[in-house]
Amino acid sequence: MSVRELVVLGTASQVPTRHRNHNGYLLRWDGEGILFDPGEGTQRQMLRAGVAAHDLNRICVTHFHGDHALGLPGVIQRINLDQVPHEMTAHYPKSGQRFFERLQYATPYRATVFITEGPVAGDGVLAQTPSYTLEARRLSHSVETYGYRIVEPDGRRMLPERLAAHGIKGPDVGRIQREGSLGGVPLDAVSEVRRGQRFAFVMDTRLCDGVYALAEGCDMLVIESTFLDEDEQLAVEHGHLTAGQAARVARDGGVRHLVLTHFSQRYTDPDEFERQARAAGYEGELTVAHDLLRVPVPKRR
């Protein structure tokens, strides 16, 4: 059975707190697991969330600040300790190649798994599978940073009433899907496009073109909201977003489910992030993330 959900492993920015671990987010996408930004303590958070090294297929690092990457040594060594049998790929900014190498070999261990390196050098497609296309867009932070986007290919939804009207039933339904027409009836006459699902992951950035491109038309947008709106100037100076800014991006991009995360330790009331996001005009599903939360990707319309 296919599962598409976000498993939140950590939600703190810069430093962990008593209640928030460093960043870490696992996207379960059918039979694959994509781990985003494993900060310090991610391996332990995986254990607490019931996530195994065997669940991982890709690691996507937005940038190499510690709260987004210091968990890499533990995760990589666990992948090797457990001898994960399938292909493993890591994506990260190409300019941080030396940081990836240092983190991958931070301490000695017995290497049993080859990790394919997929450094990101610019906007564009990083990988294509039957289930999704993985894309990257450059963001605006104090170091080179990329956001990631998952796009499922569009499919077809068969329309029973139209099939019945044309007398198409049983094995012929599969035949018209495979061949594109049957007895002069085109596939378009008995079906409609089923839009593929879209997911985006945006961390550590000011507002920029990349943020809007990643968010456009997403079923789920996971996005940093480090600051509240009254501290917008701090957000700009440090290369971050406020709750209101993140919500307006989601509103303008038609996002169905907005997940806010990466919160500064200066704030003690998480409900204020939701209040400011709603005040900014976002009306879709909204989650203020907390550690070990599971958030289903919205079902197709």
C-alpha atoms as a PDB file:
ATOM      1  CA  MET A   1       0.000   0.000   0.000  1.00  0.00           C
ATOM      2  CA  SER A   2       1.429   3.361  -1.024  1.00  0.00           C
ATOM      3  CA  VAL A   3       2.022   5.919   1.719  1.00  0.00           C
ATOM      4  CA  ARG A   4       2.785   9.574   1.238  1.00  0.00           C
ATOM      5  CA  GLU A   5       3.483  11.448   4.435  1.00  0.00           C
ATOM      6  CA  LEU A   6       5.899  13.819   6.127  1.00  0.00           C
ATOM      7  CA  VAL A   7       7.594  12.562   9.291  1.00  0.00           C
ATOM      8  CA  VAL A   8       8.927  15.534  11.276  1.00  0.00           C
ATOM      9  CA  LEU A   9      12.124  14.622  13.132  1.00  0.00           C
ATOM     10  CA  GLY A  10      13.147  18.087  14.317  1.00  0.00           C
ATOM     11  CA  THR A  11      11.921  21.675  14.090  1.00  0.00           C
ATOM     12  CA  ALA A  12      14.460  23.947  15.823  1.00  0.00           C
ATOM     13  CA  SER A  13      16.538  26.603  14.099  1.00  0.00           C
ATOM     14  CA  GLN A  14      20.204  27.155  14.977  1.00  0.00           C
ATOM     15  CA  VAL A  15      20.205  25.308  18.323  1.00  0.00           C
ATOM     16  CA  PRO A  16      18.088  22.475  19.752  1.00  0.00           C
ATOM     17  CA  THR A  17      15.836  23.215  22.713  1.00  0.00           C
ATOM     18  CA  ARG A  18      14.254  21.055  25.403  1.00  0.00           C
ATOM     19  CA  HIS A  19      11.279  20.403  23.151  1.00  0.00           C
ATOM     20  CA  ARG A  20      12.718  20.789  19.638  1.00  0.00           C
ATOM     21  CA  ASN A  21      15.527  18.824  18.033  1.00  0.00           C
ATOM     22  CA  HIS A  22      17.668  20.179  15.226  1.00  0.00           C
ATOM     23  CA  ASN A  23      16.043  19.928  11.794  1.00  0.00           C
ATOM     24  CA  GLY A  24      15.191  16.616  10.167  1.00  0.00           C
ATOM     25  CA  TYR A  25      12.314  15.675   7.850  1.00  0.00           C
ATOM     26  CA  LEU A  26      11.502  12.369   6.160  1.00  0.00           C
ATOM     27  CA  LEU A  27       9.159  12.319   3.193  1.00  0.00           C
ATOM     28  CA  ARG A  28       7.646   8.878   2.626  1.00  0.00           C
ATOM     29  CA  TRP A  29       6.689   8.714  -1.037  1.00  0.00           C
ATOM     30  CA  ASP A  30       5.218   5.328  -1.898  1.00  0.00           C
ATOM     31  CA  GLY A  31       8.093   2.886  -1.430  1.00  0.00           C
ATOM     32  CA  GLU A  32      10.822   5.506  -1.074  1.00  0.00           C
ATOM     33  CA  GLY A  33      12.091   7.684   1.751  1.00  0.00           C
ATOM     34  CA  ILE A  34      13.696  11.073   1.182  1.00  0.00           C
ATOM     35  CA  LEU A  35      15.482  12.569   4.193  1.00  0.00           C
ATOM     36  CA  PHE A  36      15.810  16.344   4.193  1.00  0.00           C
ATOM     37  CA  ASP A  37      18.337  18.345   6.246  1.00  0.00           C
ATOM     38  CA  PRO A  38      19.478  15.882   8.924  1.00  0.00           C
ATOM     39  CA  GLY A  39      20.632  18.079  11.796  1.00  0.00           C
ATOM     40  CA  GLU A  40      22.339  16.932  14.975  1.00  0.00           C
ATOM     41  CA  GLY A  41      20.441  14.122  16.711  1.00  0.00           C
ATOM     42  CA  THR A  42      18.583  12.940  13.597  1.00  0.00           C
ATOM     43  CA  GLN A  43      19.624   9.304  14.087  1.00  0.00           C
ATOM     44  CA  ARG A  44      18.032   9.242  17.547  1.00  0.00           C
ATOM     45  CA  GLN A  45      14.916  11.035  16.315  1.00  0.00           C
ATOM     46  CA  MET A  46      14.574   8.413  13.588  1.00  0.00           C
ATOM     47  CA  LEU A  47      14.552   5.749  16.285  1.00  0.00           C
ATOM     48  CA  ARG A  48      11.882   7.594  18.246  1.00  0.00           C
ATOM     49  CA  ALA A  49       9.761   8.030  15.106  1.00  0.00           C
ATOM     50  CA  GLY A  50      10.074   4.407  14.019  1.00  0.00           C
ATOM     51  CA  VAL A  51      12.185   5.256  10.964  1.00  0.00           C
ATOM     52  CA  ALA A  52      14.953   2.825   9.978  1.00  0.00           C
ATOM     53  CA  ALA A  53      18.006   3.364   7.801  1.00  0.00           C
ATOM     54  CA  HIS A  54      16.432   0.892   5.364  1.00  0.00           C
ATOM     55  CA  ASP A  55      13.597   3.397   4.864  1.00  0.00           C
ATOM     56  CA  LEU A  56      15.970   5.919   3.262  1.00  0.00           C
ATOM     57  CA  ASN A  57      16.696   6.203  -0.460  1.00  0.00           C
ATOM     58  CA  ARG A  58      17.817   9.817  -0.797  1.00  0.00           C
ATOM     59  CA  ILE A  59      19.278  12.515   1.413  1.00  0.00           C
ATOM     60  CA  CYS A  60      18.688  16.132   0.357  1.00  0.00           C
ATOM     61  CA  VAL A  61      20.684  18.858   2.116  1.00  0.00           C
ATOM     62  CA  THR A  62      19.646  22.455   1.462  1.00  0.00           C
ATOM     63  CA  HIS A  63      22.909  23.937   2.803  1.00  0.00           C
ATOM     64  CA  PHE A  64      25.703  23.165   5.223  1.00  0.00           C
ATOM     65  CA  HIS A  65      24.863  25.204   8.300  1.00  0.00           C
ATOM     66  CA  GLY A  66      25.125  22.914  11.317  1.00  0.00           C
ATOM     67  CA  ASP A  67      21.448  22.735  12.183  1.00  0.00           C
ATOM     68  CA  HIS A  68      20.797  21.280   8.728  1.00  0.00           C
ATOM     69  CA  ALA A  69      23.769  18.954   8.303  1.00  0.00           C
ATOM     70  CA  LEU A  70      25.455  17.908  11.560  1.00  0.00           C
ATOM     71  CA  GLY A  71      23.388  14.712  11.654  1.00  0.00           C
ATOM     72  CA  LEU A  72      24.932  13.449   8.421  1.00  0.00           C
ATOM     73  CA  PRO A  73      27.799  11.501  10.050  1.00  0.00           C
ATOM     74  CA  GLY A  74      25.465   9.498  12.275  1.00  0.00           C
ATOM     75  CA  VAL A  75      22.927   8.842   9.520  1.00  0.00           C
ATOM     76  CA  ILE A  76      25.576   7.785   6.996  1.00  0.00           C
ATOM     77  CA  GLN A  77      27.300   5.516   9.479  1.00  0.00           C
ATOM     78  CA  ARG A  78      23.967   3.941  10.426  1.00  0.00           C
ATOM     79  CA  ILE A  79      23.238   3.281   6.743  1.00  0.00           C
ATOM     80  CA  ASN A  80      26.555   1.434   6.578  1.00  0.00           C
ATOM     81  CA  LEU A  81      26.127  -0.359   9.897  1.00  0.00           C
ATOM     82  CA  ASP A  82      22.746  -1.686   8.790  1.00  0.00           C
ATOM     83  CA  GLN A  83      24.126  -2.525   5.326  1.00  0.00           C
ATOM     84  CA  VAL A  84      21.227  -0.952   3.450  1.00  0.00           C
ATOM     85  CA  PRO A  85      20.973  -3.040   0.258  1.00  0.00           C
ATOM     86  CA  HIS A  86      19.427  -0.540  -2.159  1.00  0.00           C
ATOM     87  CA  GLU A  87      20.871   2.473  -3.968  1.00  0.00           C
ATOM     88  CA  MET A  88      21.419   5.567  -1.826  1.00  0.00           C
ATOM     89  CA  THR A  89      21.872   9.077  -3.251  1.00  0.00           C
ATOM     90  CA  ALA A  90      22.844  12.334  -1.545  1.00  0.00           C
ATOM     91  CA  HIS A  91      22.091  15.774  -2.988  1.00  0.00           C
ATOM     92  CA  TYR A  92      23.688  18.956  -1.632  1.00  0.00           C
ATOM     93  CA  PRO A  93      25.086  22.272  -2.922  1.00  0.00           C
ATOM     94  CA  LYS A  94      28.153  21.589  -5.052  1.00  0.00           C
ATOM     95  CA  SER A  95      29.969  24.501  -3.417  1.00  0.00           C
ATOM     96  CA  GLY A  96      29.828  22.524  -0.152  1.00  0.00           C
ATOM     97  CA  GLN A  97      31.541  19.417  -1.526  1.00  0.00           C
ATOM     98  CA  ARG A  98      34.335  19.659   1.047  1.00  0.00           C
ATOM     99  CA  PHE A  99      31.792  19.828   3.878  1.00  0.00           C
ATOM    100  CA  PHE A 100      29.985  16.745   2.617  1.00  0.00           C
ATOM    101  CA  GLU A 101      33.254  14.834   2.419  1.00  0.00           C
ATOM    102  CA  ARG A 102      34.258  15.902   5.935  1.00  0.00           C
ATOM    103  CA  LEU A 103      30.884  14.908   7.357  1.00  0.00           C
ATOM    104  CA  GLN A 104      30.762  11.613   5.469  1.00  0.00           C
ATOM    105  CA  TYR A 105      34.143  10.622   6.892  1.00  0.00           C
ATOM    106  CA  ALA A 106      34.041  12.489  10.202  1.00  0.00           C
ATOM    107  CA  THR A 107      35.194   9.347  12.048  1.00  0.00           C
ATOM    108  CA  PRO A 108      36.408   5.912  10.943  1.00  0.00           C
ATOM    109  CA  TYR A 109      33.840   3.199  10.201  1.00  0.00           C
ATOM    110  CA  ARG A 110      33.439   0.138   8.011  1.00  0.00           C
ATOM    111  CA  ALA A 111      31.976   1.303   4.714  1.00  0.00           C
ATOM    112  CA  THR A 112      29.512  -1.237   3.306  1.00  0.00           C
ATOM    113  CA  VAL A 113      27.227   1.021   1.256  1.00  0.00           C
ATOM    114  CA  PHE A 114      28.203   3.177  -1.705  1.00  0.00           C
ATOM    115  CA  ILE A 115      26.414   6.517  -1.586  1.00  0.00           C
ATOM    116  CA  THR A 116      25.979   8.132  -4.987  1.00  0.00           C
ATOM    117  CA  GLU A 117      26.801  11.821  -4.796  1.00  0.00           C
ATOM    118  CA  GLY A 118      24.504  14.215  -6.637  1.00  0.00           C
ATOM    119  CA  PRO A 119      25.867  17.732  -6.020  1.00  0.00           C
ATOM    120  CA  VAL A 120      23.546  20.565  -7.054  1.00  0.00           C
ATOM    121  CA  ALA A 121      25.124  23.258  -9.209  1.00  0.00           C
ATOM    122  CA  GLY A 122      22.056  25.193 -10.321  1.00  0.00           C
ATOM    123  CA  ASP A 123      18.320  25.181 -10.906  1.00  0.00           C
ATOM    124  CA  GLY A 124      16.831  22.168 -12.638  1.00  0.00           C
ATOM    125  CA  VAL A 125      15.999  18.475 -12.560  1.00  0.00           C
ATOM    126  CA  LEU A 126      18.172  16.289 -10.315  1.00  0.00           C
ATOM    127  CA  ALA A 127      16.547  12.895 -10.777  1.00  0.00           C
ATOM    128  CA  GLN A 128      13.629  11.198 -12.506  1.00  0.00           C
ATOM    129  CA  THR A 129      11.926   8.006 -11.377  1.00  0.00           C
ATOM    130  CA  PRO A 130       8.627   6.424 -12.444  1.00  0.00           C
ATOM    131  CA  SER A 131       7.062   7.928  -9.308  1.00  0.00           C
ATOM    132  CA  TYR A 132       8.450  11.479  -9.310  1.00  0.00           C
ATOM    133  CA  THR A 133      10.835  14.089 -10.653  1.00  0.00           C
ATOM    134  CA  LEU A 134      13.165  15.772  -8.133  1.00  0.00           C
ATOM    135  CA  GLU A 135      13.964  19.412  -8.868  1.00  0.00           C
ATOM    136  CA  ALA A 136      16.078  22.094  -7.161  1.00  0.00           C
ATOM    137  CA  ARG A 137      15.885  25.898  -7.043  1.00  0.00           C
ATOM    138  CA  ARG A 138      18.432  28.350  -5.702  1.00  0.00           C
ATOM    139  CA  LEU A 139      17.388  30.258  -2.579  1.00  0.00           C
ATOM    140  CA  SER A 140      18.696  33.431  -0.885  1.00  0.00           C
ATOM    141  CA  HIS A 141      20.659  32.788   2.316  1.00  0.00           C
ATOM    142  CA  SER A 142      24.076  33.675   3.722  1.00  0.00           C
ATOM    143  CA  VAL A 143      25.575  30.567   2.085  1.00  0.00           C
ATOM    144  CA  GLU A 144      24.618  28.753  -1.107  1.00  0.00           C
ATOM    145  CA  THR A 145      21.255  27.112  -0.467  1.00  0.00           C
ATOM    146  CA  TYR A 146      18.788  25.113  -2.568  1.00  0.00           C
ATOM    147  CA  GLY A 147      15.189  24.133  -2.039  1.00  0.00           C
ATOM    148  CA  TYR A 148      13.753  20.884  -3.377  1.00  0.00           C
ATOM    149  CA  ARG A 149      10.532  19.973  -5.172  1.00  0.00           C
ATOM    150  CA  ILE A 150       8.942  16.593  -5.889  1.00  0.00           C
ATOM    151  CA  VAL A 151       6.600  16.406  -8.899  1.00  0.00           C
ATOM    152  CA  GLU A 152       4.578  13.295  -9.713  1.00  0.00           C
ATOM    153  CA  PRO A 153       3.831  12.726 -13.420  1.00  0.00           C
ATOM    154  CA  ASP A 154       0.259  13.458 -14.455  1.00  0.00           C
ATOM    155  CA  GLY A 155      -1.945  10.410 -14.953  1.00  0.00           C
ATOM    156  CA  ARG A 156      -5.430   9.637 -16.285  1.00  0.00           C
ATOM    157  CA  ARG A 157      -8.655   9.204 -14.359  1.00  0.00           C
ATOM    158  CA  MET A 158     -11.199   6.966 -16.096  1.00  0.00           C
ATOM    159  CA  LEU A 159     -14.795   8.269 -16.036  1.00  0.00           C
ATOM    160  CA  PRO A 160     -17.291   5.394 -15.507  1.00  0.00           C
ATOM    161  CA  GLU A 161     -20.290   7.230 -16.939  1.00  0.00           C
ATOM    162  CA  ARG A 162     -18.455   8.013 -20.187  1.00  0.00           C
ATOM    163  CA  LEU A 163     -17.105   4.471 -20.444  1.00  0.00           C
ATOM    164  CA  ALA A 164     -20.655   3.164 -20.051  1.00  0.00           C
ATOM    165  CA  ALA A 165     -21.967   5.600 -22.659  1.00  0.00           C
ATOM    166  CA  HIS A 166     -19.501   4.177 -25.176  1.00  0.00           C
ATOM    167  CA  GLY A 167     -20.108   0.567 -24.118  1.00  0.00           C
ATOM    168  CA  ILE A 168     -16.546   0.092 -22.895  1.00  0.00           C
ATOM    169  CA  LYS A 169     -16.192  -2.317 -19.982  1.00  0.00           C
ATOM    170  CA  GLY A 170     -14.140  -5.175 -18.590  1.00  0.00           C
ATOM    171  CA  PRO A 171     -10.767  -5.834 -20.296  1.00  0.00           C
ATOM    172  CA  ASP A 172     -11.485  -3.120 -22.857  1.00  0.00           C
ATOM    173  CA  VAL A 173     -10.960  -0.449 -20.174  1.00  0.00           C
ATOM    174  CA  GLY A 174      -7.348  -1.526 -19.816  1.00  0.00           C
ATOM    175  CA  ARG A 175      -6.989  -1.813 -23.564  1.00  0.00           C
ATOM    176  CA  ILE A 176      -8.061   1.777 -24.265  1.00  0.00           C
ATOM    177  CA  GLN A 177      -5.687   2.960 -21.547  1.00  0.00           C
ATOM    178  CA  ARG A 178      -2.777   1.121 -23.162  1.00  0.00           C
ATOM    179  CA  GLU A 179      -3.580   1.872 -26.808  1.00  0.00           C
ATOM    180  CA  GLY A 180      -5.035   5.387 -26.535  1.00  0.00           C
ATOM    181  CA  SER A 181      -8.206   4.573 -28.471  1.00  0.00           C
ATOM    182  CA  LEU A 182     -10.690   1.755 -29.025  1.00  0.00           C
ATOM    183  CA  GLY A 183     -13.160   1.339 -31.862  1.00  0.00           C
ATOM    184  CA  GLY A 184     -12.776   4.957 -32.846  1.00  0.00           C
ATOM    185  CA  VAL A 185     -13.240   6.219 -29.268  1.00  0.00           C
ATOM    186  CA  PRO A 186     -10.202   8.251 -28.102  1.00  0.00           C
ATOM    187  CA  LEU A 187      -8.939   7.944 -24.537  1.00  0.00           C
ATOM    188  CA  ASP A 188      -9.710  11.644 -23.948  1.00  0.00           C
ATOM    189  CA  ALA A 189     -13.410  10.945 -24.514  1.00  0.00           C
ATOM    190  CA  VAL A 190     -13.658   8.584 -21.528  1.00  0.00           C
ATOM    191  CA  SER A 191     -11.087  10.002 -19.132  1.00  0.00           C
ATOM    192  CA  GLU A 192      -9.548  13.181 -17.790  1.00  0.00           C
ATOM    193  CA  VAL A 193      -6.107  14.266 -16.673  1.00  0.00           C
ATOM    194  CA  ARG A 194      -5.309  13.356 -13.066  1.00  0.00           C
ATOM    195  CA  ARG A 195      -2.826  15.955 -11.934  1.00  0.00           C
ATOM    196  CA  GLY A 196       0.252  14.549 -10.223  1.00  0.00           C
ATOM    197  CA  GLN A 197       0.963  15.502  -6.627  1.00  0.00           C
ATOM    198  CA  ARG A 198       3.601  18.085  -5.743  1.00  0.00           C
ATOM    199  CA  PHE A 199       5.693  18.599  -2.620  1.00  0.00           C
ATOM    200  CA  ALA A 200       8.231  21.331  -1.851  1.00  0.00           C
ATOM    201  CA  PHE A 201      10.836  21.802   0.862  1.00  0.00           C
ATOM    202  CA  VAL A 202      12.089  25.342   1.525  1.00  0.00           C
ATOM    203  CA  MET A 203      14.578  26.193   4.261  1.00  0.00           C
ATOM    204  CA  ASP A 204      16.726  29.182   5.269  1.00  0.00           C
ATOM    205  CA  THR A 205      15.962  31.852   2.715  1.00  0.00           C
ATOM    206  CA  ARG A 206      14.741  35.369   2.182  1.00  0.00           C
ATOM    207  CA  LEU A 207      11.885  35.911  -0.239  1.00  0.00           C
ATOM    208  CA  CYS A 208      13.188  35.264  -3.756  1.00  0.00           C
ATOM    209  CA  ASP A 209      12.090  33.840  -7.102  1.00  0.00           C
ATOM    210  CA  GLY A 210      13.158  30.344  -6.052  1.00  0.00           C
ATOM    211  CA  VAL A 211      10.746  30.311  -3.111  1.00  0.00           C
ATOM    212  CA  TYR A 212       7.772  31.106  -5.328  1.00  0.00           C
ATOM    213  CA  ALA A 213       8.825  28.635  -8.035  1.00  0.00           C
ATOM    214  CA  LEU A 214       9.125  25.807  -5.521  1.00  0.00           C
ATOM    215  CA  ALA A 215       5.774  26.539  -3.862  1.00  0.00           C
ATOM    216  CA  GLU A 216       3.693  26.981  -7.016  1.00  0.00           C
ATOM    217  CA  GLY A 217       0.761  24.550  -7.100  1.00  0.00           C
ATOM    218  CA  CYS A 218       2.034  22.326  -4.293  1.00  0.00           C
ATOM    219  CA  ASP A 219      -0.144  19.889  -2.409  1.00  0.00           C
ATOM    220  CA  MET A 220       2.237  20.275   0.539  1.00  0.00           C
ATOM    221  CA  LEU A 221       4.793  23.003   1.242  1.00  0.00           C
ATOM    222  CA  VAL A 222       7.229  22.544   4.129  1.00  0.00           C
ATOM    223  CA  ILE A 223       8.756  25.952   4.722  1.00  0.00           C
ATOM    224  CA  GLU A 224      10.810  27.735   7.339  1.00  0.00           C
ATOM    225  CA  SER A 225       9.187  30.474   9.408  1.00  0.00           C
ATOM    226  CA  THR A 226      12.061  31.262  11.729  1.00  0.00           C
ATOM    227  CA  PHE A 227      10.678  34.628  12.832  1.00  0.00           C
ATOM    228  CA  LEU A 228       7.352  36.237  13.618  1.00  0.00           C
ATOM    229  CA  ASP A 229       6.289  39.225  11.547  1.00  0.00           C
ATOM    230  CA  GLU A 230       7.339  41.850  14.089  1.00  0.00           C
ATOM    231  CA  ASP A 231      10.937  40.689  13.574  1.00  0.00           C
ATOM    232  CA  GLU A 232      10.877  40.910   9.778  1.00  0.00           C
ATOM    233  CA  GLN A 233      14.004  43.073   9.672  1.00  0.00           C
ATOM    234  CA  LEU A 234      15.926  40.398  11.570  1.00  0.00           C
ATOM    235  CA  ALA A 235      14.638  37.817   9.112  1.00  0.00           C
ATOM    236  CA  VAL A 236      15.930  39.819   6.150  1.00  0.00           C
ATOM    237  CA  GLU A 237      19.311  40.420   7.784  1.00  0.00           C
ATOM    238  CA  HIS A 238      19.841  36.755   8.602  1.00  0.00           C
ATOM    239  CA  GLY A 239      18.340  35.280   5.426  1.00  0.00           C
ATOM    240  CA  HIS A 240      15.099  33.891   6.790  1.00  0.00           C
ATOM    241  CA  LEU A 241      11.308  34.158   6.489  1.00  0.00           C
ATOM    242  CA  THR A 242       8.562  35.196   8.872  1.00  0.00           C
ATOM    243  CA  ALA A 243       5.325  33.304   9.432  1.00  0.00           C
ATOM    244  CA  GLY A 244       3.388  35.898   7.448  1.00  0.00           C
ATOM    245  CA  GLN A 245       5.814  35.826   4.532  1.00  0.00           C
ATOM    246  CA  ALA A 246       5.708  32.022   4.343  1.00  0.00           C
ATOM    247  CA  ALA A 247       1.912  32.077   4.444  1.00  0.00           C
ATOM    248  CA  ARG A 248       1.657  34.644   1.656  1.00  0.00           C
ATOM    249  CA  VAL A 249       3.923  32.496  -0.514  1.00  0.00           C
ATOM    250  CA  ALA A 250       1.591  29.546   0.110  1.00  0.00           C
ATOM    251  CA  ARG A 251      -1.498  31.670  -0.509  1.00  0.00           C
ATOM    252  CA  ASP A 252      -0.208  33.079  -3.792  1.00  0.00           C
ATOM    253  CA  GLY A 253       1.057  29.682  -4.949  1.00  0.00           C
ATOM    254  CA  GLY A 254      -2.219  27.857  -4.305  1.00  0.00           C
ATOM    255  CA  VAL A 255      -0.659  25.501  -1.748  1.00  0.00           C
ATOM    256  CA  ARG A 256      -3.143  23.040  -0.269  1.00  0.00           C
ATOM    257  CA  HIS A 257      -1.306  22.177   2.981  1.00  0.00           C
ATOM    258  CA  LEU A 258       1.227  24.536   4.546  1.00  0.00           C
ATOM    259  CA  VAL A 259       3.674  23.176   7.138  1.00  0.00           C
ATOM    260  CA  LEU A 260       5.557  25.835   9.104  1.00  0.00           C
ATOM    261  CA  THR A 261       8.789  24.856  10.872  1.00  0.00           C
ATOM    262  CA  HIS A 262      12.376  25.901  11.803  1.00  0.00           C
ATOM    263  CA  PHE A 263      11.411  28.122  14.727  1.00  0.00           C
ATOM    264  CA  SER A 264      13.710  30.482  16.594  1.00  0.00           C
ATOM    265  CA  GLN A 265      14.185  29.691  20.273  1.00  0.00           C
ATOM    266  CA  ARG A 266      13.185  33.282  21.095  1.00  0.00           C
ATOM    267  CA  TYR A 267       9.485  32.388  20.759  1.00  0.00           C
ATOM    268  CA  THR A 268       7.561  30.389  23.351  1.00  0.00           C
ATOM    269  CA  ASP A 269       4.038  30.383  21.873  1.00  0.00           C
ATOM    270  CA  PRO A 270       3.807  28.252  18.696  1.00  0.00           C
ATOM    271  CA  ASP A 271       0.150  29.231  18.235  1.00  0.00           C
ATOM    272  CA  GLU A 272       1.283  32.731  17.280  1.00  0.00           C
ATOM    273  CA  PHE A 273       2.799  31.352  14.060  1.00  0.00           C
ATOM    274  CA  GLU A 274      -0.605  29.998  13.068  1.00  0.00           C
ATOM    275  CA  ARG A 275      -2.349  33.260  13.968  1.00  0.00           C
ATOM    276  CA  GLN A 276       0.041  35.292  11.841  1.00  0.00           C
ATOM    277  CA  ALA A 277      -0.201  32.841   8.930  1.00  0.00           C
ATOM    278  CA  ARG A 278      -3.991  33.098   8.969  1.00  0.00           C
ATOM    279  CA  ALA A 279      -3.801  36.880   9.267  1.00  0.00           C
ATOM    280  CA  ALA A 280      -1.685  36.862   6.101  1.00  0.00           C
ATOM    281  CA  GLY A 281      -4.619  35.355   4.218  1.00  0.00           C
ATOM    282  CA  TYR A 282      -3.718  31.687   3.917  1.00  0.00           C
ATOM    283  CA  GLU A 283      -6.920  29.618   4.063  1.00  0.00           C
ATOM    284  CA  GLY A 284      -5.743  26.071   3.283  1.00  0.00           C
ATOM    285  CA  GLU A 285      -4.707  23.309   5.663  1.00  0.00           C
ATOM    286  CA  LEU A 286      -2.097  24.593   8.099  1.00  0.00           C
ATOM    287  CA  THR A 287       0.258  22.760  10.445  1.00  0.00           C
ATOM    288  CA  VAL A 288       2.688  24.310  12.903  1.00  0.00           C
ATOM    289  CA  ALA A 289       5.172  21.459  13.085  1.00  0.00           C
ATOM    290  CA  HIS A 290       6.454  19.827  16.235  1.00  0.00           C
ATOM    291  CA  ASP A 291       8.920  16.986  16.651  1.00  0.00           C
ATOM    292  CA  LEU A 292       7.746  13.449  15.767  1.00  0.00           C
ATOM    293  CA  LEU A 293       4.596  14.715  14.040  1.00  0.00           C
ATOM    294  CA  ARG A 294       3.312  12.808  10.997  1.00  0.00           C
ATOM    295  CA  VAL A 295       1.503  14.814   8.327  1.00  0.00           C
ATOM    296  CA  PRO A 296      -0.207  13.007   5.406  1.00  0.00           C
ATOM    297  CA  VAL A 297       0.232  14.523   1.959  1.00  0.00           C
ATOM    298  CA  PRO A 298      -3.286  15.652   0.900  1.00  0.00           C
ATOM    299  CA  LYS A 299      -5.199  13.154  -1.209  1.00  0.00           C
ATOM    300  CA  ARG A 300      -5.619  13.921  -4.878  1.00  0.00           C
ATOM    301  CA  ARG A 301      -8.631  15.996  -5.741  1.00  0.00           C
END
